[in-house]
Protein backbone atom coordinates (compact mmCIF):
# COMPACT_ATOMS: atom_id res chain seq x y z
CA UNK A 1 -34.33 9.35 14.86
CA UNK A 2 -30.82 8.85 13.96
CA UNK A 3 -28.79 6.87 16.52
CA UNK A 4 -25.75 8.98 17.85
CA UNK A 5 -22.50 7.14 17.59
CA UNK A 6 -19.71 7.77 19.80
CA UNK A 7 -16.21 6.53 20.38
CA UNK A 8 -15.81 4.44 23.88
CA UNK A 9 -14.29 8.05 25.26
CA UNK A 10 -17.36 9.78 24.35
CA UNK A 11 -16.16 11.77 21.16
CA UNK A 12 -19.50 11.85 18.92
CA UNK A 13 -18.95 10.25 15.32
CA UNK A 14 -20.77 12.26 12.65
CA UNK A 15 -22.67 9.77 10.28
CA UNK A 16 -21.48 9.37 6.87
CA UNK A 17 -23.24 11.84 4.19
CA UNK A 18 -22.36 13.49 1.05
CA UNK A 19 -20.60 16.44 2.60
CA UNK A 20 -17.77 14.27 4.04
CA UNK A 21 -16.08 15.58 0.81
CA UNK A 22 -16.70 18.82 -0.74
CA UNK A 23 -15.97 19.77 -4.22
CA UNK A 24 -15.73 23.22 -5.71
CA UNK A 25 -14.69 24.42 -9.03
CA UNK A 26 -12.75 27.51 -9.50
CA UNK A 27 -11.32 29.45 -12.57
CA UNK A 28 -9.03 26.94 -13.72
CA UNK A 29 -8.80 24.65 -10.98
CA UNK A 30 -10.70 22.48 -8.49
CA UNK A 31 -10.99 22.55 -4.63
CA UNK A 32 -11.47 19.15 -2.90
CA UNK A 33 -12.00 19.37 0.92
CA UNK A 34 -12.01 16.44 3.62
CA UNK A 35 -14.91 17.73 5.48
CA UNK A 36 -14.78 15.32 8.70
CA UNK A 37 -13.57 18.07 11.03
CA UNK A 38 -14.88 16.28 14.16
CA UNK A 39 -12.51 13.45 13.68
CA UNK A 40 -9.93 15.40 12.05
CA UNK A 41 -10.74 14.33 8.63
CA UNK A 42 -10.06 10.59 9.14
CA UNK A 43 -10.69 8.51 5.98
CA UNK A 44 -13.55 5.93 6.17
CA UNK A 45 -15.43 4.18 3.20
CA UNK A 46 -17.69 6.86 2.45
CA UNK A 47 -14.88 9.75 2.46
CA UNK A 48 -13.00 7.54 0.26
CA UNK A 49 -15.76 7.20 -2.47
CA UNK A 50 -16.26 10.69 -2.21
CA UNK A 51 -12.75 11.72 -2.80
CA UNK A 52 -12.03 9.11 -5.49
CA UNK A 53 -15.15 10.50 -7.15
CA UNK A 54 -14.00 14.03 -6.77
CA UNK A 55 -10.55 13.39 -8.39
CA UNK A 56 -12.37 11.74 -11.47
CA UNK A 57 -14.78 14.53 -11.58
CA UNK A 58 -11.68 16.89 -11.99
CA UNK A 59 -9.94 14.75 -14.38
CA UNK A 60 -13.03 14.65 -16.76
CA UNK A 61 -13.64 18.48 -16.65
CA UNK A 62 -11.76 20.16 -19.30
CA UNK A 63 -11.87 23.42 -17.49
CA UNK A 64 -10.41 22.22 -14.42
CA UNK A 65 -6.61 22.31 -15.04
CA UNK A 66 -5.06 21.83 -11.32
CA UNK A 67 -6.55 20.31 -8.11
CA UNK A 68 -6.08 21.52 -4.41
CA UNK A 69 -6.92 18.74 -1.80
CA UNK A 70 -7.11 20.23 1.85
CA UNK A 71 -8.86 19.35 4.91
CA UNK A 72 -11.71 21.17 6.68
CA UNK A 73 -11.00 22.62 10.51
CA UNK A 74 -7.61 22.25 12.15
CA UNK A 75 -6.17 19.15 10.42
CA UNK A 76 -5.52 17.82 6.94
CA UNK A 77 -6.09 14.07 7.87
CA UNK A 78 -5.43 12.01 10.99
CA UNK A 79 -5.14 8.51 8.99
CA UNK A 80 -7.82 6.12 8.66
CA UNK A 81 -10.78 6.05 10.65
CA UNK A 82 -10.43 3.75 13.51
CA UNK A 83 -14.60 3.61 14.21
CA UNK A 84 -15.52 3.19 10.46
CA UNK A 85 -16.80 -0.29 11.49
CA UNK A 86 -19.53 1.42 13.40
CA UNK A 87 -21.24 2.19 10.16
CA UNK A 88 -21.76 -1.21 8.47
CA UNK A 89 -21.97 -0.74 4.69
CA UNK A 90 -21.61 -3.27 1.94
CA UNK A 91 -21.65 -1.02 -0.94
CA UNK A 92 -18.33 -0.93 -3.00
CA UNK A 93 -15.69 1.70 -2.09
CA UNK A 94 -11.93 2.15 -3.30
CA UNK A 95 -9.45 1.22 -1.01
CA UNK A 96 -7.00 3.76 0.45
CA UNK A 97 -4.32 2.57 -2.27
CA UNK A 98 -6.79 3.12 -4.95
CA UNK A 99 -7.70 6.53 -3.88
CA UNK A 100 -4.06 7.64 -3.83
CA UNK A 101 -3.16 5.74 -6.88
CA UNK A 102 -5.98 8.02 -8.66
CA UNK A 103 -4.04 10.86 -7.46
CA UNK A 104 -0.61 9.57 -8.95
CA UNK A 105 -2.22 8.66 -12.04
CA UNK A 106 -4.35 11.88 -12.07
CA UNK A 107 -3.16 13.67 -15.66
CA UNK A 108 -3.68 16.95 -13.84
CA UNK A 109 -1.49 18.28 -11.13
CA UNK A 110 -2.78 18.04 -7.39
CA UNK A 111 -1.56 20.29 -4.73
CA UNK A 112 -1.91 19.31 -1.06
CA UNK A 113 -2.56 22.04 1.38
CA UNK A 114 -1.83 21.16 4.89
CA UNK A 115 -2.57 22.45 8.28
CA UNK A 116 -2.54 20.74 11.55
CA UNK A 117 -2.14 16.82 11.20
CA UNK A 118 -1.00 14.62 8.30
CA UNK A 119 -0.39 11.37 9.86
CA UNK A 120 -0.63 7.75 8.96
CA UNK A 121 -3.11 7.22 5.89
CA UNK A 122 -2.80 11.28 5.77
CA UNK A 123 0.73 11.63 5.70
CA UNK A 124 0.68 9.33 2.42
CA UNK A 125 -2.05 11.15 0.95
CA UNK A 126 -0.24 14.46 1.31
CA UNK A 127 2.78 12.67 0.06
CA UNK A 128 1.42 11.17 -3.28
CA UNK A 129 0.31 14.76 -4.31
CA UNK A 130 2.51 16.47 -7.07
CA UNK A 131 3.12 19.58 -4.66
CA UNK A 132 2.61 19.78 -0.91
CA UNK A 133 2.40 23.06 0.84
CA UNK A 134 2.21 23.08 4.45
CA UNK A 135 1.21 25.74 7.22
CA UNK A 136 4.13 26.35 9.76
CA UNK A 137 1.77 24.20 12.31
CA UNK A 138 1.59 21.23 10.46
CA UNK A 139 2.75 17.94 11.44
CA UNK A 140 3.55 14.78 9.62
CA UNK A 141 4.16 11.24 10.68
CA UNK A 142 4.10 7.36 9.89
CA UNK A 143 2.65 6.78 13.07
CA UNK A 144 1.26 3.25 12.11
CA UNK A 145 3.90 1.48 13.83
CA UNK A 146 2.66 2.68 17.36
CA UNK A 147 -0.08 0.36 17.10
CA UNK A 148 1.35 -2.19 15.04
CA UNK A 149 0.59 -1.17 11.77
CA UNK A 150 2.14 -0.88 8.09
CA UNK A 151 1.66 1.82 5.78
CA UNK A 152 -1.20 1.17 3.26
CA UNK A 153 0.87 3.47 0.69
CA UNK A 154 4.57 3.03 1.04
CA UNK A 155 5.40 6.09 -0.87
CA UNK A 156 7.87 7.63 1.94
CA UNK A 157 10.91 5.88 1.05
CA UNK A 158 10.55 7.65 -2.57
CA UNK A 159 10.10 10.94 -1.20
CA UNK A 160 12.99 10.95 1.66
CA UNK A 161 15.41 8.40 1.00
CA UNK A 162 16.89 5.39 3.21
CA UNK A 163 18.05 6.62 6.36
CA UNK A 164 15.21 9.13 6.82
CA UNK A 165 12.41 6.55 5.54
CA UNK A 166 13.79 3.98 8.20
CA UNK A 167 13.65 6.82 10.91
CA UNK A 168 9.99 7.76 10.05
CA UNK A 169 8.81 4.32 9.72
CA UNK A 170 10.46 2.31 12.41
CA UNK A 171 10.14 5.13 15.18
CA UNK A 172 6.52 6.74 14.04
CA UNK A 173 7.57 10.17 15.54
CA UNK A 174 6.01 13.33 14.44
CA UNK A 175 8.06 15.87 12.34
CA UNK A 176 7.24 19.59 12.19
CA UNK A 177 6.49 21.60 8.85
CA UNK A 178 10.11 22.63 8.46
CA UNK A 179 11.72 19.37 9.11
CA UNK A 180 9.34 17.64 6.76
CA UNK A 181 10.22 20.11 4.08
CA UNK A 182 13.87 19.31 4.77
CA UNK A 183 13.30 15.69 4.42
CA UNK A 184 11.36 16.18 1.36
CA UNK A 185 8.01 15.44 2.48
CA UNK A 186 6.86 19.13 1.78
CA UNK A 187 7.77 21.66 -1.05
CA UNK A 188 6.90 25.10 0.61
CA UNK A 189 6.14 25.85 4.24
CA UNK A 190 4.05 29.12 4.88
CA UNK A 191 2.18 30.88 7.65
CA UNK A 192 -0.99 29.53 8.51
CA UNK A 193 -3.17 32.34 7.26
CA UNK A 194 -1.18 32.03 4.01
CA UNK A 195 -1.92 28.46 3.20
CA UNK A 196 -4.88 28.45 1.03
CA UNK A 197 -3.54 31.66 -0.88
CA UNK A 198 -0.32 29.76 -1.85
CA UNK A 199 -2.11 26.75 -2.71
CA UNK A 200 -4.36 28.56 -5.18
CA UNK A 201 -1.58 30.70 -6.32
CA UNK A 202 0.12 27.42 -7.33
CA UNK A 203 -2.82 26.15 -8.94
CA UNK A 204 -3.42 29.34 -10.89
CA UNK A 205 0.09 29.03 -12.05
CA UNK A 206 -0.53 25.47 -13.43
CA UNK A 207 -3.90 26.67 -15.16
CA UNK A 208 -1.90 29.33 -17.23
CA UNK A 209 0.88 26.86 -18.54
CA UNK A 210 0.52 24.70 -21.63
CA UNK A 211 -1.63 21.99 -20.47
CA UNK A 212 -0.05 19.14 -22.96
CA UNK A 213 3.15 19.95 -21.50
CA UNK A 214 2.20 20.18 -17.94
CA UNK A 215 0.67 16.34 -18.48
CA UNK A 216 3.86 15.17 -20.24
CA UNK A 217 6.15 16.16 -17.46
CA UNK A 218 4.14 14.80 -14.55
CA UNK A 219 4.20 11.57 -16.68
CA UNK A 220 7.88 11.94 -17.38
CA UNK A 221 8.87 12.23 -13.54
CA UNK A 222 6.38 9.63 -12.59
CA UNK A 223 7.94 7.31 -14.86
CA UNK A 224 11.46 7.56 -13.21
CA UNK A 225 9.93 6.35 -10.22
CA UNK A 226 7.88 3.67 -11.96
CA UNK A 227 10.89 2.45 -13.60
CA UNK A 228 12.65 2.12 -10.32
CA UNK A 229 9.92 -0.06 -8.90
CA UNK A 230 7.65 2.47 -7.72
CA UNK A 231 4.57 0.31 -8.35
CA UNK A 232 5.95 -2.86 -7.10
CA UNK A 233 7.12 -1.65 -3.87
CA UNK A 234 3.68 -0.15 -3.25
CA UNK A 235 1.91 -3.46 -3.99
CA UNK A 236 4.08 -5.16 -1.38
CA UNK A 237 0.89 -7.00 0.11
CA UNK A 238 0.76 -8.81 -3.19
CA UNK A 239 4.27 -10.47 -2.17
CA UNK A 240 3.84 -13.81 -0.42
CA UNK A 241 6.85 -13.18 1.89
CA UNK A 242 5.65 -9.72 2.80
CA UNK A 243 2.00 -11.06 3.50
CA UNK A 244 3.26 -13.23 5.85
CA UNK A 245 5.58 -10.83 8.05
CA UNK A 246 2.25 -8.46 8.14
CA UNK A 247 0.19 -11.42 9.30
CA UNK A 248 2.72 -12.12 11.75
CA UNK A 249 3.17 -8.71 12.73
CA UNK A 250 -0.88 -8.55 13.38
CA UNK A 251 -0.27 -11.24 16.17
CA UNK A 252 2.01 -9.10 18.06
CA UNK A 253 1.22 -8.89 21.77
CA UNK A 254 1.74 -5.15 22.31
CA UNK A 255 0.29 -4.29 19.01
CA UNK A 256 -2.83 -6.42 19.79
CA UNK A 257 -3.36 -4.67 23.18
CA UNK A 258 -2.96 -1.14 21.85
CA UNK A 259 -5.73 -1.92 19.03
CA UNK A 260 -7.77 -3.27 22.04
CA UNK A 261 -7.32 0.02 23.91
CA UNK A 262 -8.10 2.17 20.82
CA UNK A 263 -11.29 0.26 20.20
CA UNK A 264 -12.58 -0.54 23.48
CA UNK A 265 -11.50 1.88 25.83
CA UNK A 266 -10.80 4.98 23.48
CA UNK A 267 -8.38 7.24 21.56
CA UNK A 268 -7.69 9.40 24.36
CA UNK A 269 -6.41 6.56 26.64
CA UNK A 270 -4.70 4.63 23.71
CA UNK A 271 -2.70 8.20 22.85
CA UNK A 272 -1.58 8.68 26.45
CA UNK A 273 -0.36 5.03 26.75
CA UNK A 274 1.48 5.00 23.65
CA UNK A 275 2.69 8.48 23.90
CA UNK A 276 4.11 8.13 27.04
CA UNK A 277 6.55 5.36 25.74
CA UNK A 278 7.59 7.82 23.12
CA UNK A 279 8.42 10.76 25.87
CA UNK A 280 5.26 12.64 24.44
CA UNK A 281 6.62 12.92 21.04
């Protein structure tokens, strides 16, 4: 009998399985779905493995000309799984950074279809996609600072510019879909019931275009950012100064206490304590 795992506040955590990420091939494009709706599609080692494999599968299939990435249930992705450690697993898995770089380097366009929350690593996952379509109920945020963390993939400054990046990363507040569009996190905003339709329409358009030129143009745009230091900026943990700052941040008393509340008392208690200090935002 499989032991049921729960968070400290009683939320049942589904065990890792082959359906944590779903892959569906359609005419001209593939649809990849993060499928852990109970935990708002939070990413763990298993889902990162499956997502990475799904991207590679789409790359290798000549009949797939575009990719849609979305989440099952009421959220796109709530970031990293706080309780992944409950499932010890020594098998190799790509990091969140490697998964997102596989989207960046994917020769085919990737469309994020976002409903509900796309926060933390989920915000960055949507951001690294080539096109991001959001439902009107979507929420975006680089919330890691609220519990003393740093963004795993530092793409937001390249998407929104200096002042907006500082506001998002230093305050950790959520923004709605329209504000995210104004900032540059999102291309299009649609009614929730039209989200899938809009993403599929874009994917079909990509599929009808000259494929060599689609791939060339993606590389050309990416090259502009790479020449501006995109890869070096993302690999900030390799810089000794940044590594020392990150280590010092881990010792922050408030951050340490918030992480303790998350893991020992539970997410709901942590969220209440955290959000009280942000006026509920």
